């Protein structure tokens, strides 16, 4: 990490170097525990020179958070091709890769760290959450989400964030299992909402129409069915199938007809 030989850099190059060094240190320890002296030593410059580029630790910390926030928001970007479940699983893989590689820094970003309560830090956190929300809606192909869908997506983004923060404290569950569980959580939130609202039922019908049986959403169905005694499954399917079919048709009709909201399947 230390350069060993000090060399002259332009102002912006030196600032970017210091931000990178700070982020590397924050990846292993809480920003509260990292001193300006350590950052200076790791960058191969003197402490006063750090203050030449940043007036204080807080300004350097906020600059490091800015870079981390941009990178984290980018983890939600994914080509809009293929089943939604597989796309969300890849997104969660990149998200948790960042969380694992930048544990203390991620915690500091989402909890505020030394800059807790600052308007700039809060704005950065909100930008990450909004980027995640916007990307999920883009995957769904929806520009004007109904109220229940907005609730589902924002709740899921918050769940992913809180799950990651809790997971960092001990990492008691294998990361791959948590990534898949969060994709299942998205399907579960959407399904419960669809049970209450025809428009959400339309969204769910369109999502499931493109899902393979061996995908993440099909895996969830298989896991849930395995928990229910066979005779109960048979009884429920026999009694509920006609009503469920009607509900699905109604939901599909809503999905096809809602202008500017839920588009018809592509």
Protein backbone atom coordinates (compact mmCIF):
# COMPACT_ATOMS: atom_id res chain seq x y z
CA UNK A 1 0.00 0.00 0.00
CA UNK A 2 2.90 2.40 0.80
CA UNK A 3 4.54 3.91 -2.26
CA UNK A 4 8.04 3.74 -0.75
CA UNK A 5 9.36 6.56 -2.95
CA UNK A 6 7.62 9.88 -2.83
CA UNK A 7 6.91 11.40 -6.24
CA UNK A 8 5.20 14.55 -7.34
CA UNK A 9 1.57 14.21 -8.40
CA UNK A 10 -0.96 16.61 -9.77
CA UNK A 11 -3.59 17.86 -7.35
CA UNK A 12 -6.38 15.61 -8.60
CA UNK A 13 -4.12 12.59 -8.94
CA UNK A 14 -2.96 13.00 -5.33
CA UNK A 15 -6.53 13.45 -4.09
CA UNK A 16 -7.62 10.28 -5.85
CA UNK A 17 -4.64 8.43 -4.40
CA UNK A 18 -5.54 9.51 -0.88
CA UNK A 19 -9.17 8.52 -1.38
CA UNK A 20 -8.07 5.10 -2.61
CA UNK A 21 -5.71 4.63 0.34
CA UNK A 22 -8.42 5.68 2.79
CA UNK A 23 -10.92 3.26 1.23
CA UNK A 24 -8.41 0.42 1.47
CA UNK A 25 -7.86 1.13 5.16
CA UNK A 26 -11.59 1.51 5.77
CA UNK A 27 -12.09 -1.93 4.19
CA UNK A 28 -10.32 -3.52 7.13
CA UNK A 29 -11.08 -1.21 10.04
CA UNK A 30 -13.73 1.27 11.04
CA UNK A 31 -13.02 4.79 9.75
CA UNK A 32 -13.20 5.94 13.37
CA UNK A 33 -10.09 3.85 14.08
CA UNK A 34 -8.03 5.05 11.12
CA UNK A 35 -5.89 8.12 11.73
CA UNK A 36 -4.63 10.75 9.31
CA UNK A 37 -1.10 9.62 10.22
CA UNK A 38 -1.89 6.11 8.98
CA UNK A 39 -3.37 7.41 5.76
CA UNK A 40 -0.33 9.62 5.20
CA UNK A 41 2.07 6.74 5.87
CA UNK A 42 0.19 4.41 3.53
CA UNK A 43 0.26 7.07 0.79
CA UNK A 44 3.96 7.74 1.35
CA UNK A 45 3.49 11.42 2.19
CA UNK A 46 3.59 13.58 5.30
CA UNK A 47 0.62 14.35 7.52
CA UNK A 48 0.68 18.11 6.65
CA UNK A 49 0.50 17.21 2.96
CA UNK A 50 -2.71 15.26 3.56
CA UNK A 51 -4.21 18.42 5.04
CA UNK A 52 -3.08 20.32 1.96
CA UNK A 53 -5.51 18.25 -0.12
CA UNK A 54 -8.23 17.70 2.49
CA UNK A 55 -8.95 20.20 5.29
CA UNK A 56 -9.66 17.41 7.75
CA UNK A 57 -10.38 13.73 8.22
CA UNK A 58 -14.11 14.31 7.76
CA UNK A 59 -13.68 15.77 4.27
CA UNK A 60 -11.42 12.86 3.25
CA UNK A 61 -13.89 10.42 4.77
CA UNK A 62 -16.78 11.95 2.82
CA UNK A 63 -14.77 11.82 -0.41
CA UNK A 64 -14.04 8.13 0.22
CA UNK A 65 -17.71 7.49 0.93
CA UNK A 66 -18.62 9.22 -2.33
CA UNK A 67 -16.48 6.78 -4.29
CA UNK A 68 -17.79 3.80 -2.32
CA UNK A 69 -21.39 4.91 -2.81
CA UNK A 70 -20.90 5.23 -6.58
CA UNK A 71 -19.38 1.77 -6.77
CA UNK A 72 -22.09 0.20 -4.62
CA UNK A 73 -24.86 1.81 -6.66
CA UNK A 74 -23.23 0.39 -9.79
CA UNK A 75 -23.54 -3.13 -8.40
CA UNK A 76 -27.28 -2.99 -9.11
CA UNK A 77 -26.74 -2.45 -12.82
CA UNK A 78 -27.41 -5.59 -14.83
CA UNK A 79 -28.26 -6.28 -18.50
CA UNK A 80 -32.03 -6.60 -18.83
CA UNK A 81 -31.93 -10.00 -20.44
CA UNK A 82 -33.19 -13.36 -19.24
CA UNK A 83 -35.38 -14.30 -16.26
CA UNK A 84 -35.71 -11.73 -13.48
CA UNK A 85 -34.78 -14.25 -10.77
CA UNK A 86 -31.40 -14.97 -12.36
CA UNK A 87 -30.75 -11.26 -12.82
CA UNK A 88 -31.51 -10.48 -9.18
CA UNK A 89 -29.25 -13.33 -8.08
CA UNK A 90 -26.35 -11.87 -10.05
CA UNK A 91 -27.07 -8.43 -8.57
CA UNK A 92 -27.03 -9.87 -5.04
CA UNK A 93 -23.76 -11.64 -5.82
CA UNK A 94 -22.09 -8.36 -6.77
CA UNK A 95 -23.71 -6.54 -3.84
CA UNK A 96 -22.42 -9.03 -1.28
CA UNK A 97 -19.03 -9.11 -2.97
CA UNK A 98 -18.75 -5.40 -2.21
CA UNK A 99 -20.04 -5.94 1.34
CA UNK A 100 -17.50 -8.70 1.97
CA UNK A 101 -14.58 -6.79 0.46
CA UNK A 102 -15.40 -3.52 2.23
CA UNK A 103 -17.02 -4.65 5.47
CA UNK A 104 -16.16 -1.78 7.84
CA UNK A 105 -16.44 0.73 5.00
CA UNK A 106 -19.87 -0.60 4.02
CA UNK A 107 -21.06 -0.38 7.61
CA UNK A 108 -19.72 3.16 7.86
CA UNK A 109 -21.42 4.15 4.60
CA UNK A 110 -24.84 2.80 5.57
CA UNK A 111 -24.67 3.89 9.21
CA UNK A 112 -22.98 7.24 8.68
CA UNK A 113 -19.72 6.50 10.51
CA UNK A 114 -17.79 9.58 11.63
CA UNK A 115 -20.11 11.71 9.50
CA UNK A 116 -23.33 10.33 10.96
CA UNK A 117 -26.12 12.82 10.51
CA UNK A 118 -24.29 14.98 7.97
CA UNK A 119 -26.49 16.08 5.08
CA UNK A 120 -23.87 15.04 2.51
CA UNK A 121 -23.53 11.53 3.93
CA UNK A 122 -27.28 11.08 4.20
CA UNK A 123 -27.65 12.22 0.59
CA UNK A 124 -25.09 9.65 -0.55
CA UNK A 125 -26.87 6.84 1.28
CA UNK A 126 -30.19 7.92 -0.24
CA UNK A 127 -28.58 7.94 -3.70
CA UNK A 128 -27.48 4.31 -3.30
CA UNK A 129 -30.97 3.26 -2.22
CA UNK A 130 -32.58 5.23 -5.05
CA UNK A 131 -30.20 3.73 -7.62
CA UNK A 132 -31.13 0.25 -6.40
CA UNK A 133 -34.85 1.09 -6.57
CA UNK A 134 -34.58 2.58 -10.07
CA UNK A 135 -32.63 -0.40 -11.39
CA UNK A 136 -35.15 -2.92 -10.05
CA UNK A 137 -38.02 -1.01 -11.67
CA UNK A 138 -36.04 -0.94 -14.91
CA UNK A 139 -35.67 -4.73 -14.73
CA UNK A 140 -39.43 -4.97 -14.33
CA UNK A 141 -39.95 -2.66 -17.28
CA UNK A 142 -42.10 -0.32 -15.22
CA UNK A 143 -41.82 3.47 -15.25
CA UNK A 144 -44.89 4.41 -13.22
CA UNK A 145 -45.15 1.82 -10.43
CA UNK A 146 -48.37 1.29 -8.51
CA UNK A 147 -48.17 2.11 -4.80
CA UNK A 148 -47.90 -1.51 -3.69
CA UNK A 149 -45.04 -2.23 -6.09
CA UNK A 150 -43.14 0.80 -4.84
CA UNK A 151 -43.60 -0.51 -1.32
CA UNK A 152 -42.36 -3.98 -2.32
CA UNK A 153 -39.22 -2.72 -4.06
CA UNK A 154 -38.26 -0.18 -1.41
CA UNK A 155 -38.89 -2.73 1.34
CA UNK A 156 -36.69 -5.23 -0.46
CA UNK A 157 -33.85 -2.74 -0.90
CA UNK A 158 -34.00 -1.98 2.83
CA UNK A 159 -34.07 -5.70 3.61
CA UNK A 160 -30.96 -6.32 1.50
CA UNK A 161 -29.16 -3.50 3.30
CA UNK A 162 -30.10 -4.62 6.81
CA UNK A 163 -29.37 -8.28 5.98
CA UNK A 164 -25.87 -7.35 4.82
CA UNK A 165 -25.17 -5.30 7.94
CA UNK A 166 -26.33 -8.13 10.22
CA UNK A 167 -24.40 -10.71 8.20
CA UNK A 168 -21.16 -8.79 8.66
CA UNK A 169 -21.46 -9.35 12.40
CA UNK A 170 -20.21 -12.91 12.49
CA UNK A 171 -21.06 -14.08 8.95
CA UNK A 172 -22.96 -17.02 10.43
CA UNK A 173 -24.82 -17.90 7.23
CA UNK A 174 -22.99 -18.79 3.99
CA UNK A 175 -22.98 -15.82 1.67
CA UNK A 176 -24.38 -17.74 -1.32
CA UNK A 177 -27.36 -18.87 0.76
CA UNK A 178 -28.14 -15.30 1.78
CA UNK A 179 -27.92 -14.06 -1.80
CA UNK A 180 -30.45 -16.69 -2.91
CA UNK A 181 -32.65 -16.06 0.14
CA UNK A 182 -32.87 -12.36 -0.71
CA UNK A 183 -34.03 -13.20 -4.23
CA UNK A 184 -36.64 -15.45 -2.65
CA UNK A 185 -37.57 -12.58 -0.33
CA UNK A 186 -38.31 -10.39 -3.33
CA UNK A 187 -40.62 -13.04 -4.77
CA UNK A 188 -42.33 -13.50 -1.41
CA UNK A 189 -42.94 -9.78 -0.93
CA UNK A 190 -44.36 -9.53 -4.44
CA UNK A 191 -46.55 -12.61 -3.95
CA UNK A 192 -48.06 -11.39 -0.68
CA UNK A 193 -48.79 -8.00 -2.23
CA UNK A 194 -50.32 -9.71 -5.29
CA UNK A 195 -52.72 -11.56 -3.00
CA UNK A 196 -54.21 -8.20 -2.00
CA UNK A 197 -54.12 -6.25 -5.25
CA UNK A 198 -55.07 -7.11 -8.84
CA UNK A 199 -52.48 -4.75 -10.31
CA UNK A 200 -49.72 -6.41 -8.31
CA UNK A 201 -51.12 -9.78 -9.40
CA UNK A 202 -50.52 -8.64 -12.96
CA UNK A 203 -46.92 -7.77 -12.17
CA UNK A 204 -46.38 -11.16 -10.56
CA UNK A 205 -47.98 -13.04 -13.47
CA UNK A 206 -45.67 -11.28 -15.91
CA UNK A 207 -42.60 -12.02 -13.78
CA UNK A 208 -43.42 -15.69 -13.35
CA UNK A 209 -44.26 -16.15 -17.02
CA UNK A 210 -40.58 -15.82 -17.88
CA UNK A 211 -39.20 -17.91 -15.03
CA UNK A 212 -37.82 -21.42 -15.64
CA UNK A 213 -38.70 -24.19 -13.22
CA UNK A 214 -35.04 -24.53 -12.22
CA UNK A 215 -34.56 -20.78 -11.59
CA UNK A 216 -34.48 -19.01 -8.21
CA UNK A 217 -38.25 -18.45 -8.10
CA UNK A 218 -38.97 -22.05 -9.10
CA UNK A 219 -36.56 -23.15 -6.40
CA UNK A 220 -38.56 -21.18 -3.83
CA UNK A 221 -41.83 -22.83 -4.90
CA UNK A 222 -40.21 -26.24 -4.61
CA UNK A 223 -38.90 -25.51 -1.12
CA UNK A 224 -42.31 -24.28 0.08
CA UNK A 225 -44.24 -27.19 -1.42
CA UNK A 226 -41.82 -29.62 0.24
CA UNK A 227 -42.85 -28.24 3.63
CA UNK A 228 -46.55 -29.00 3.10
CA UNK A 229 -47.97 -32.53 3.52
CA UNK A 230 -48.90 -34.06 0.16
CA UNK A 231 -52.57 -34.49 1.04
CA UNK A 232 -52.84 -30.80 1.94
CA UNK A 233 -51.26 -29.76 -1.34
CA UNK A 234 -53.72 -31.93 -3.28
CA UNK A 235 -56.70 -30.55 -1.35
CA UNK A 236 -55.64 -26.93 -1.77
CA UNK A 237 -54.92 -27.30 -5.48
CA UNK A 238 -58.29 -28.98 -6.04
CA UNK A 239 -60.24 -26.31 -4.19
CA UNK A 240 -58.28 -23.19 -5.09
CA UNK A 241 -57.15 -23.79 -8.68
CA UNK A 242 -60.33 -22.41 -10.35
CA UNK A 243 -60.24 -19.22 -8.27
CA UNK A 244 -56.50 -18.88 -8.73
CA UNK A 245 -56.87 -19.22 -12.47
CA UNK A 246 -59.48 -16.49 -12.54
CA UNK A 247 -57.29 -14.29 -10.39
CA UNK A 248 -54.32 -14.83 -12.67
CA UNK A 249 -56.42 -13.97 -15.72
CA UNK A 250 -57.65 -10.80 -14.03
CA UNK A 251 -54.11 -9.88 -13.06
CA UNK A 252 -52.87 -10.49 -16.58
CA UNK A 253 -55.64 -8.28 -17.95
CA UNK A 254 -54.61 -5.48 -15.59
CA UNK A 255 -50.99 -5.94 -16.64
CA UNK A 256 -51.87 -5.72 -20.32
CA UNK A 257 -54.18 -2.72 -20.07
CA UNK A 258 -52.58 -0.40 -17.49
CA UNK A 259 -51.29 2.62 -19.49
CA UNK A 260 -47.86 3.85 -18.44
CA UNK A 261 -47.84 1.48 -15.50
CA UNK A 262 -47.40 -2.26 -15.75
CA UNK A 263 -46.60 -3.13 -19.36
CA UNK A 264 -47.77 -6.26 -21.11
CA UNK A 265 -45.24 -9.11 -21.27
CA UNK A 266 -42.59 -8.54 -23.88
